[in-house]
Amino acid sequence: MIELNLQKKLLSASGTMHLDMQINVQRGELLGLFGESGAGKTTLLRMLAGLTMPDSGRIVVDGICWFDSVKKIMLAPQQRSIGLVFQDYALFPNMSVRANLAYALSGKDSQQTAWLDQLLSATGLSALQDRMPAQLSGGQQQRVALARAIVRKPQLLLLDEPLSALDLAMRSRLQDELQTLHREFGLTTILVSHDIGEVFKLADKVQVLQQGRVVRSGTPAQVFLQQRLAGQLNLRAQVLAIRREEVVFILSLLVGQEIVEIIASQDEVDDLKIGAHISISTKAFSPLIFKSSA
C-alpha cells in the first residue's frame, strides 16, 4: 500500500545526520516507529504528509506517486489523503466539537451527516458534540483531534506521540479506543511513540530507528522480546535521588509509574546525576507474578 525510499540531511544535537529509510506498509496495518528523540521519526511523518521536502527518494501510496525527486513530483499536503494527529490537539477554539469535525468535510449532504453521526458515536463524542474545546478535558480534546483526522477517511493516518501528554489511565483508555477505531474503519496507520508498552499493544509491526536508519524491524515480540528470553530482565528507569549509607549508595528510581530503591556501588554511581535515564537489569529465571488490583 505504501512504499517509501527517502533520504534527507538533517542537523541533530550531535551534528549532521543523514536520514535514509526504506519502509513498506501494508493496507490495514498499524506500523509503530520507535526510537530515541532525534532519530528521524517525526521527520519521516512530516515527509509523508508533504510538510517537509526530502532531499531525494520516492513515496508511492496505493499506486499514486506522492513524491519523486527524479520526476520532480511533490504533491501538496492537501493533495495527499492523510489524517495527522500531533501531541498538540490543534482544535479550532471558536468551533464546537461537531463543527471541528465538519470543517474537514466539503459538503453537507445527508450521507456526510450520517457519517459524522457515526464517527461521533464511535468515538464517544455524541454527548459532547455541542461543546467548545475549552470545555473539554485533555483526553476528550485528543479524542476530537483523532476523530477529525479520521473524518475524511484518509488513506493514511499519521500519529506523532498523540497520547504522551495524558495521564496513564486516560492514555490506556484512548489506546483501547484507537485500536478499536483502527480495526473498525480499516485504517492504515503509522504511529510514532517512545512508549514500548504502547507500541507493543497497538502495532502490527515495528521499525526501530537510530540516527535516521531502521536498525530493527519485525513484530513487537520479535523486536522487543527476542533478546530478553535468556532470563535477563531489563528495565528503563529515571534517577530521582542518590544517597550514601555507610559503604553503599541507595538509588531512588522511577520505573514506569513506580518508585523503587536499589543498592549501588561507588563505581556504579560515578558520573550518575539526578534526572538521568538508566537501564537496570537482573536475572529473573523464576519471577513471581501477581495480579494487580489497579
Foldseek 3Di string as FASTA:
>chain_A
DKWWWFWAWDQDPVGIFIATETDDFDFLFEEEEEEDPPLCPVVVVCVLLLNDPTPAIWMAFPNRTCDHPVVGHHHHNVVAQEFEAEQDLPFDQVAFLLCSQCVLPDDDDPVLVVLSVVLCVLLVNPVRRGPGPVVDDSLVSLSSSVSSSPSVVGQEYEYEQNQVVDDPVSSVVVLVSVQVVSVVSRHGYYYYDHDLVSCLVRGQKYFYGGSNYGPDIDGSCVVPPPVPPPQKDKFKWFFADWDDDPQWIWTFICTPNDTDIDIHGPVVCVVPDHGDIDMDMDGGPDDDDDDDPD
